[in-house]
Amino acid sequence: MRLATLFATGDIAGSQPTTATAALAAQVPEVESKLFDANKSRVLDGLIGVPDVAAKFRDLLLDRRGDFRADLVPVTPRA
């Protein structure tokens, strides 16, 4: 949005918005990877060190259970 504003006010011109947009787009995979890694670290939050892990797991919200299964229990499709 800021690039559009700068372009509209004449503070930048020509191909500068395109160049800036391409530079930002190149950073997207790295940023997405960092966000994914940060979210993965929460999978075991609240489960480590709990005396009854199975009971605690049953108390987790469904999205947390799904995260746990997806990250820690690999599923191989049948051929």
PDB file of N, CA and C in Angstrom:
ATOM      1  N   MET A   1       0.828  -1.183   0.000  1.00  0.00           N
ATOM      2  CA  MET A   1       0.000   0.000   0.000  1.00  0.00           C
ATOM      3  C   MET A   1       0.871   1.245   0.000  1.00  0.00           C
ATOM      4  N   ARG A   2       1.941   1.210   0.754  1.00  0.00           N
ATOM      5  CA  ARG A   2       2.825   2.372   0.819  1.00  0.00           C
ATOM      6  C   ARG A   2       3.444   2.652  -0.549  1.00  0.00           C
ATOM      7  N   LEU A   3       3.819   1.603  -1.282  1.00  0.00           N
ATOM      8  CA  LEU A   3       4.377   1.808  -2.621  1.00  0.00           C
ATOM      9  C   LEU A   3       3.373   2.519  -3.526  1.00  0.00           C
ATOM     10  N   ALA A   4       2.127   2.110  -3.451  1.00  0.00           N
ATOM     11  CA  ALA A   4       1.093   2.735  -4.280  1.00  0.00           C
ATOM     12  C   ALA A   4       0.943   4.207  -3.927  1.00  0.00           C
ATOM     13  N   THR A   5       0.991   4.508  -2.640  1.00  0.00           N
ATOM     14  CA  THR A   5       0.875   5.897  -2.205  1.00  0.00           C
ATOM     15  C   THR A   5       2.058   6.727  -2.695  1.00  0.00           C
ATOM     16  N   LEU A   6       3.261   6.181  -2.554  1.00  0.00           N
ATOM     17  CA  LEU A   6       4.449   6.897  -3.033  1.00  0.00           C
ATOM     18  C   LEU A   6       4.385   7.133  -4.532  1.00  0.00           C
ATOM     19  N   PHE A   7       3.902   6.145  -5.258  1.00  0.00           N
ATOM     20  CA  PHE A   7       3.780   6.290  -6.710  1.00  0.00           C
ATOM     21  C   PHE A   7       2.728   7.350  -7.056  1.00  0.00           C
ATOM     22  N   ALA A   8       1.600   7.302  -6.367  1.00  0.00           N
ATOM     23  CA  ALA A   8       0.511   8.244  -6.639  1.00  0.00           C
ATOM     24  C   ALA A   8       0.900   9.679  -6.336  1.00  0.00           C
ATOM     25  N   THR A   9       1.740   9.874  -5.332  1.00  0.00           N
ATOM     26  CA  THR A   9       2.148  11.239  -4.971  1.00  0.00           C
ATOM     27  C   THR A   9       3.362  11.710  -5.765  1.00  0.00           C
ATOM     28  N   GLY A  10       3.911  10.822  -6.601  1.00  0.00           N
ATOM     29  CA  GLY A  10       5.046  11.201  -7.427  1.00  0.00           C
ATOM     30  C   GLY A  10       6.385  11.095  -6.727  1.00  0.00           C
ATOM     31  N   ASP A  11       6.405  10.506  -5.534  1.00  0.00           N
ATOM     32  CA  ASP A  11       7.665  10.358  -4.805  1.00  0.00           C
ATOM     33  C   ASP A  11       8.548   9.275  -5.403  1.00  0.00           C
ATOM     34  N   ILE A  12       7.967   8.330  -6.090  1.00  0.00           N
ATOM     35  CA  ILE A  12       8.728   7.351  -6.865  1.00  0.00           C
ATOM     36  C   ILE A  12       8.077   7.272  -8.240  1.00  0.00           C
ATOM     37  N   ALA A  13       8.856   6.874  -9.215  1.00  0.00           N
ATOM     38  CA  ALA A  13       8.327   6.883 -10.575  1.00  0.00           C
ATOM     39  C   ALA A  13       8.854   5.701 -11.373  1.00  0.00           C
ATOM     40  N   GLY A  14       8.331   5.582 -12.585  1.00  0.00           N
ATOM     41  CA  GLY A  14       8.829   4.577 -13.527  1.00  0.00           C
ATOM     42  C   GLY A  14       8.672   3.154 -13.030  1.00  0.00           C
ATOM     43  N   SER A  15       9.771   2.408 -13.119  1.00  0.00           N
ATOM     44  CA  SER A  15       9.737   0.985 -12.779  1.00  0.00           C
ATOM     45  C   SER A  15      10.019   0.718 -11.302  1.00  0.00           C
ATOM     46  N   GLN A  16      10.188   1.751 -10.508  1.00  0.00           N
ATOM     47  CA  GLN A  16      10.506   1.548  -9.086  1.00  0.00           C
ATOM     48  C   GLN A  16       9.462   0.703  -8.350  1.00  0.00           C
ATOM     49  N   PRO A  17       8.157   0.943  -8.552  1.00  0.00           N
ATOM     50  CA  PRO A  17       7.182   0.081  -7.867  1.00  0.00           C
ATOM     51  C   PRO A  17       7.292  -1.386  -8.294  1.00  0.00           C
ATOM     52  N   THR A  18       7.535  -1.630  -9.563  1.00  0.00           N
ATOM     53  CA  THR A  18       7.669  -2.999 -10.055  1.00  0.00           C
ATOM     54  C   THR A  18       8.900  -3.662  -9.455  1.00  0.00           C
ATOM     55  N   THR A  19      10.007  -2.939  -9.413  1.00  0.00           N
ATOM     56  CA  THR A  19      11.237  -3.473  -8.838  1.00  0.00           C
ATOM     57  C   THR A  19      11.055  -3.769  -7.353  1.00  0.00           C
ATOM     58  N   ALA A  20      10.427  -2.848  -6.637  1.00  0.00           N
ATOM     59  CA  ALA A  20      10.200  -3.043  -5.206  1.00  0.00           C
ATOM     60  C   ALA A  20       9.266  -4.220  -4.961  1.00  0.00           C
ATOM     61  N   THR A  21       8.222  -4.338  -5.764  1.00  0.00           N
ATOM     62  CA  THR A  21       7.280  -5.442  -5.617  1.00  0.00           C
ATOM     63  C   THR A  21       7.970  -6.779  -5.864  1.00  0.00           C
ATOM     64  N   ALA A  22       8.830  -6.846  -6.857  1.00  0.00           N
ATOM     65  CA  ALA A  22       9.561  -8.088  -7.150  1.00  0.00           C
ATOM     66  C   ALA A  22      10.490  -8.445  -5.996  1.00  0.00           C
ATOM     67  N   ALA A  23      11.137  -7.443  -5.413  1.00  0.00           N
ATOM     68  CA  ALA A  23      12.034  -7.698  -4.283  1.00  0.00           C
ATOM     69  C   ALA A  23      11.257  -8.223  -3.082  1.00  0.00           C
ATOM     70  N   LEU A  24      10.089  -7.647  -2.844  1.00  0.00           N
ATOM     71  CA  LEU A  24       9.260  -8.117  -1.737  1.00  0.00           C
ATOM     72  C   LEU A  24       8.728  -9.523  -2.005  1.00  0.00           C
ATOM     73  N   ALA A  25       8.308  -9.786  -3.226  1.00  0.00           N
ATOM     74  CA  ALA A  25       7.779 -11.106  -3.584  1.00  0.00           C
ATOM     75  C   ALA A  25       8.847 -12.181  -3.404  1.00  0.00           C
ATOM     76  N   ALA A  26      10.091 -11.844  -3.641  1.00  0.00           N
ATOM     77  CA  ALA A  26      11.181 -12.804  -3.481  1.00  0.00           C
ATOM     78  C   ALA A  26      11.376 -13.191  -2.017  1.00  0.00           C
ATOM     79  N   GLN A  27      10.933 -12.332  -1.099  1.00  0.00           N
ATOM     80  CA  GLN A  27      11.075 -12.602   0.331  1.00  0.00           C
ATOM     81  C   GLN A  27       9.935 -13.452   0.897  1.00  0.00           C
ATOM     82  N   VAL A  28       8.860 -13.592   0.161  1.00  0.00           N
ATOM     83  CA  VAL A  28       7.678 -14.293   0.659  1.00  0.00           C
ATOM     84  C   VAL A  28       7.969 -15.732   1.088  1.00  0.00           C
ATOM     85  N   PRO A  29       8.665 -16.562   0.300  1.00  0.00           N
ATOM     86  CA  PRO A  29       8.908 -17.942   0.744  1.00  0.00           C
ATOM     87  C   PRO A  29       9.654 -18.025   2.079  1.00  0.00           C
ATOM     88  N   GLU A  30      10.636 -17.170   2.279  1.00  0.00           N
ATOM     89  CA  GLU A  30      11.395 -17.185   3.539  1.00  0.00           C
ATOM     90  C   GLU A  30      10.504 -16.782   4.716  1.00  0.00           C
ATOM     91  N   VAL A  31       9.696 -15.760   4.523  1.00  0.00           N
ATOM     92  CA  VAL A  31       8.797 -15.300   5.586  1.00  0.00           C
ATOM     93  C   VAL A  31       7.763 -16.376   5.904  1.00  0.00           C
ATOM     94  N   GLU A  32       7.196 -17.002   4.867  1.00  0.00           N
ATOM     95  CA  GLU A  32       6.228 -18.074   5.092  1.00  0.00           C
ATOM     96  C   GLU A  32       6.859 -19.229   5.846  1.00  0.00           C
ATOM     97  N   SER A  33       8.106 -19.559   5.506  1.00  0.00           N
ATOM     98  CA  SER A  33       8.813 -20.641   6.174  1.00  0.00           C
ATOM     99  C   SER A  33       9.010 -20.323   7.658  1.00  0.00           C
ATOM    100  N   LYS A  34       9.388 -19.097   7.950  1.00  0.00           N
ATOM    101  CA  LYS A  34       9.582 -18.691   9.350  1.00  0.00           C
ATOM    102  C   LYS A  34       8.266 -18.754  10.122  1.00  0.00           C
ATOM    103  N   LEU A  35       7.182 -18.322   9.499  1.00  0.00           N
ATOM    104  CA  LEU A  35       5.886 -18.384  10.167  1.00  0.00           C
ATOM    105  C   LEU A  35       5.472 -19.826  10.421  1.00  0.00           C
ATOM    106  N   PHE A  36       5.699 -20.692   9.444  1.00  0.00           N
ATOM    107  CA  PHE A  36       5.370 -22.108   9.593  1.00  0.00           C
ATOM    108  C   PHE A  36       6.187 -22.727  10.719  1.00  0.00           C
ATOM    109  N   ASP A  37       7.486 -22.445  10.751  1.00  0.00           N
ATOM    110  CA  ASP A  37       8.349 -22.992  11.800  1.00  0.00           C
ATOM    111  C   ASP A  37       7.931 -22.490  13.181  1.00  0.00           C
ATOM    112  N   ALA A  38       7.564 -21.222  13.273  1.00  0.00           N
ATOM    113  CA  ALA A  38       7.138 -20.666  14.557  1.00  0.00           C
ATOM    114  C   ALA A  38       5.863 -21.344  15.036  1.00  0.00           C
ATOM    115  N   ASN A  39       4.964 -21.640  14.113  1.00  0.00           N
ATOM    116  CA  ASN A  39       3.709 -22.289  14.480  1.00  0.00           C
ATOM    117  C   ASN A  39       3.929 -23.741  14.872  1.00  0.00           C
ATOM    118  N   LYS A  40       4.886 -24.415  14.230  1.00  0.00           N
ATOM    119  CA  LYS A  40       5.161 -25.812  14.548  1.00  0.00           C
ATOM    120  C   LYS A  40       5.659 -25.970  15.977  1.00  0.00           C
ATOM    121  N   SER A  41       6.351 -24.974  16.489  1.00  0.00           N
ATOM    122  CA  SER A  41       6.921 -25.096  17.818  1.00  0.00           C
ATOM    123  C   SER A  41       5.853 -25.188  18.898  1.00  0.00           C
ATOM    124  N   ARG A  42       4.630 -24.782  18.597  1.00  0.00           N
ATOM    125  CA  ARG A  42       3.574 -24.827  19.601  1.00  0.00           C
ATOM    126  C   ARG A  42       2.901 -26.189  19.671  1.00  0.00           C
ATOM    127  N   VAL A  43       3.235 -27.094  18.783  1.00  0.00           N
ATOM    128  CA  VAL A  43       2.561 -28.385  18.733  1.00  0.00           C
ATOM    129  C   VAL A  43       2.645 -29.120  20.061  1.00  0.00           C
ATOM    130  N   LEU A  44       3.787 -29.080  20.713  1.00  0.00           N
ATOM    131  CA  LEU A  44       3.963 -29.812  21.966  1.00  0.00           C
ATOM    132  C   LEU A  44       3.713 -28.962  23.211  1.00  0.00           C
ATOM    133  N   ASP A  45       3.361 -27.683  23.029  1.00  0.00           N
ATOM    134  CA  ASP A  45       3.078 -26.821  24.183  1.00  0.00           C
ATOM    135  C   ASP A  45       2.006 -27.452  25.063  1.00  0.00           C
ATOM    136  N   GLY A  46       2.295 -27.555  26.332  1.00  0.00           N
ATOM    137  CA  GLY A  46       1.334 -28.086  27.277  1.00  0.00           C
ATOM    138  C   GLY A  46       1.309 -29.599  27.382  1.00  0.00           C
ATOM    139  N   LEU A  47       2.073 -30.291  26.546  1.00  0.00           N
ATOM    140  CA  LEU A  47       2.099 -31.756  26.597  1.00  0.00           C
ATOM    141  C   LEU A  47       3.369 -32.299  27.234  1.00  0.00           C
ATOM    142  N   ILE A  48       4.445 -31.544  27.115  1.00  0.00           N
ATOM    143  CA  ILE A  48       5.725 -32.007  27.657  1.00  0.00           C
ATOM    144  C   ILE A  48       5.722 -31.869  29.170  1.00  0.00           C
ATOM    145  N   GLY A  49       6.062 -32.949  29.847  1.00  0.00           N
ATOM    146  CA  GLY A  49       6.165 -32.935  31.299  1.00  0.00           C
ATOM    147  C   GLY A  49       4.856 -33.136  32.037  1.00  0.00           C
ATOM    148  N   VAL A  50       3.770 -33.369  31.302  1.00  0.00           N
ATOM    149  CA  VAL A  50       2.470 -33.596  31.928  1.00  0.00           C
ATOM    150  C   VAL A  50       2.387 -35.062  32.354  1.00  0.00           C
ATOM    151  N   PRO A  51       1.944 -35.343  33.583  1.00  0.00           N
ATOM    152  CA  PRO A  51       1.894 -36.731  34.043  1.00  0.00           C
ATOM    153  C   PRO A  51       1.019 -37.636  33.162  1.00  0.00           C
ATOM    154  N   ASP A  52      -0.141 -37.142  32.720  1.00  0.00           N
ATOM    155  CA  ASP A  52      -1.029 -37.957  31.894  1.00  0.00           C
ATOM    156  C   ASP A  52      -1.192 -37.279  30.533  1.00  0.00           C
ATOM    157  N   VAL A  53      -0.271 -37.564  29.632  1.00  0.00           N
ATOM    158  CA  VAL A  53      -0.264 -36.926  28.307  1.00  0.00           C
ATOM    159  C   VAL A  53      -1.527 -37.272  27.528  1.00  0.00           C
ATOM    160  N   ALA A  54      -1.980 -38.516  27.617  1.00  0.00           N
ATOM    161  CA  ALA A  54      -3.176 -38.927  26.872  1.00  0.00           C
ATOM    162  C   ALA A  54      -4.394 -38.113  27.300  1.00  0.00           C
ATOM    163  N   ALA A  55      -4.557 -37.905  28.585  1.00  0.00           N
ATOM    164  CA  ALA A  55      -5.692 -37.113  29.073  1.00  0.00           C
ATOM    165  C   ALA A  55      -5.567 -35.660  28.614  1.00  0.00           C
ATOM    166  N   LYS A  56      -4.371 -35.122  28.702  1.00  0.00           N
ATOM    167  CA  LYS A  56      -4.145 -33.741  28.264  1.00  0.00           C
ATOM    168  C   LYS A  56      -4.412 -33.604  26.764  1.00  0.00           C
ATOM    169  N   PHE A  57      -3.985 -34.600  25.991  1.00  0.00           N
ATOM    170  CA  PHE A  57      -4.209 -34.587  24.544  1.00  0.00           C
ATOM    171  C   PHE A  57      -5.711 -34.561  24.242  1.00  0.00           C
ATOM    172  N   ARG A  58      -6.488 -35.353  24.968  1.00  0.00           N
ATOM    173  CA  ARG A  58      -7.936 -35.381  24.752  1.00  0.00           C
ATOM    174  C   ARG A  58      -8.569 -34.028  25.058  1.00  0.00           C
ATOM    175  N   ASP A  59      -7.946 -33.252  25.941  1.00  0.00           N
ATOM    176  CA  ASP A  59      -8.471 -31.938  26.306  1.00  0.00           C
ATOM    177  C   ASP A  59      -8.112 -30.844  25.293  1.00  0.00           C
ATOM    178  N   LEU A  60      -7.196 -31.133  24.389  1.00  0.00           N
ATOM    179  CA  LEU A  60      -6.786 -30.126  23.411  1.00  0.00           C
ATOM    180  C   LEU A  60      -7.907 -29.833  22.426  1.00  0.00           C
ATOM    181  N   LEU A  61      -7.921 -28.616  21.906  1.00  0.00           N
ATOM    182  CA  LEU A  61      -8.855 -28.280  20.843  1.00  0.00           C
ATOM    183  C   LEU A  61      -8.527 -29.102  19.607  1.00  0.00           C
ATOM    184  N   LEU A  62      -9.504 -29.303  18.757  1.00  0.00           N
ATOM    185  CA  LEU A  62      -9.316 -30.159  17.586  1.00  0.00           C
ATOM    186  C   LEU A  62      -8.193 -29.688  16.671  1.00  0.00           C
ATOM    187  N   ASP A  63      -8.027 -28.367  16.502  1.00  0.00           N
ATOM    188  CA  ASP A  63      -6.950 -27.900  15.621  1.00  0.00           C
ATOM    189  C   ASP A  63      -5.585 -28.274  16.174  1.00  0.00           C
ATOM    190  N   ARG A  64      -5.438 -28.239  17.501  1.00  0.00           N
ATOM    191  CA  ARG A  64      -4.163 -28.629  18.110  1.00  0.00           C
ATOM    192  C   ARG A  64      -3.915 -30.115  17.939  1.00  0.00           C
ATOM    193  N   ARG A  65      -4.960 -30.923  18.082  1.00  0.00           N
ATOM    194  CA  ARG A  65      -4.801 -32.363  17.865  1.00  0.00           C
ATOM    195  C   ARG A  65      -4.389 -32.637  16.431  1.00  0.00           C
ATOM    196  N   GLY A  66      -5.009 -31.923  15.496  1.00  0.00           N
ATOM    197  CA  GLY A  66      -4.663 -32.088  14.080  1.00  0.00           C
ATOM    198  C   GLY A  66      -3.232 -31.681  13.797  1.00  0.00           C
ATOM    199  N   ASP A  67      -2.779 -30.577  14.420  1.00  0.00           N
ATOM    200  CA  ASP A  67      -1.396 -30.135  14.256  1.00  0.00           C
ATOM    201  C   ASP A  67      -0.441 -31.211  14.740  1.00  0.00           C
ATOM    202  N   PHE A  68      -0.752 -31.781  15.888  1.00  0.00           N
ATOM    203  CA  PHE A  68       0.092 -32.822  16.473  1.00  0.00           C
ATOM    204  C   PHE A  68       0.183 -34.016  15.531  1.00  0.00           C
ATOM    205  N   ARG A  69      -0.951 -34.457  15.066  1.00  0.00           N
ATOM    206  CA  ARG A  69      -0.964 -35.628  14.176  1.00  0.00           C
ATOM    207  C   ARG A  69      -0.232 -35.336  12.874  1.00  0.00           C
ATOM    208  N   ALA A  70      -0.475 -34.191  12.290  1.00  0.00           N
ATOM    209  CA  ALA A  70       0.138 -33.853  11.006  1.00  0.00           C
ATOM    210  C   ALA A  70       1.641 -33.735  11.111  1.00  0.00           C
ATOM    211  N   ASP A  71       2.141 -33.179  12.213  1.00  0.00           N
ATOM    212  CA  ASP A  71       3.569 -32.940  12.358  1.00  0.00           C
ATOM    213  C   ASP A  71       4.342 -34.115  12.922  1.00  0.00           C
ATOM    214  N   LEU A  72       3.705 -34.893  13.772  1.00  0.00           N
ATOM    215  CA  LEU A  72       4.457 -35.915  14.491  1.00  0.00           C
ATOM    216  C   LEU A  72       4.090 -37.359  14.133  1.00  0.00           C
ATOM    217  N   VAL A  73       3.001 -37.539  13.448  1.00  0.00           N
ATOM    218  CA  VAL A  73       2.570 -38.891  13.091  1.00  0.00           C
ATOM    219  C   VAL A  73       2.456 -38.956  11.575  1.00  0.00           C
ATOM    220  N   PRO A  74       3.536 -39.349  10.898  1.00  0.00           N
ATOM    221  CA  PRO A  74       3.490 -39.375   9.436  1.00  0.00           C
ATOM    222  C   PRO A  74       2.495 -40.426   8.928  1.00  0.00           C
ATOM    223  N   VAL A  75       1.762 -40.044   7.909  1.00  0.00           N
ATOM    224  CA  VAL A  75       0.814 -40.961   7.294  1.00  0.00           C
ATOM    225  C   VAL A  75       1.241 -41.189   5.853  1.00  0.00           C
ATOM    226  N   THR A  76       1.442 -42.440   5.512  1.00  0.00           N
ATOM    227  CA  THR A  76       1.840 -42.785   4.147  1.00  0.00           C
ATOM    228  C   THR A  76       0.635 -43.372   3.432  1.00  0.00           C
ATOM    229  N   PRO A  77       0.240 -42.773   2.309  1.00  0.00           N
ATOM    230  CA  PRO A  77      -0.920 -43.301   1.580  1.00  0.00           C
ATOM    231  C   PRO A  77      -0.629 -44.701   1.041  1.00  0.00           C
ATOM    232  N   ARG A  78      -1.654 -45.511   1.002  1.00  0.00           N
ATOM    233  CA  ARG A  78      -1.504 -46.855   0.451  1.00  0.00           C
ATOM    234  C   ARG A  78      -1.412 -46.788  -1.052  1.00  0.00           C
ATOM    235  N   ALA A  79      -0.602 -47.678  -1.599  1.00  0.00           N
ATOM    236  CA  ALA A  79      -0.429 -47.706  -3.065  1.00  0.00           C
ATOM    237  C   ALA A  79      -1.536 -48.476  -3.718  1.00  0.00           C
TER     238      ALA A  79
END
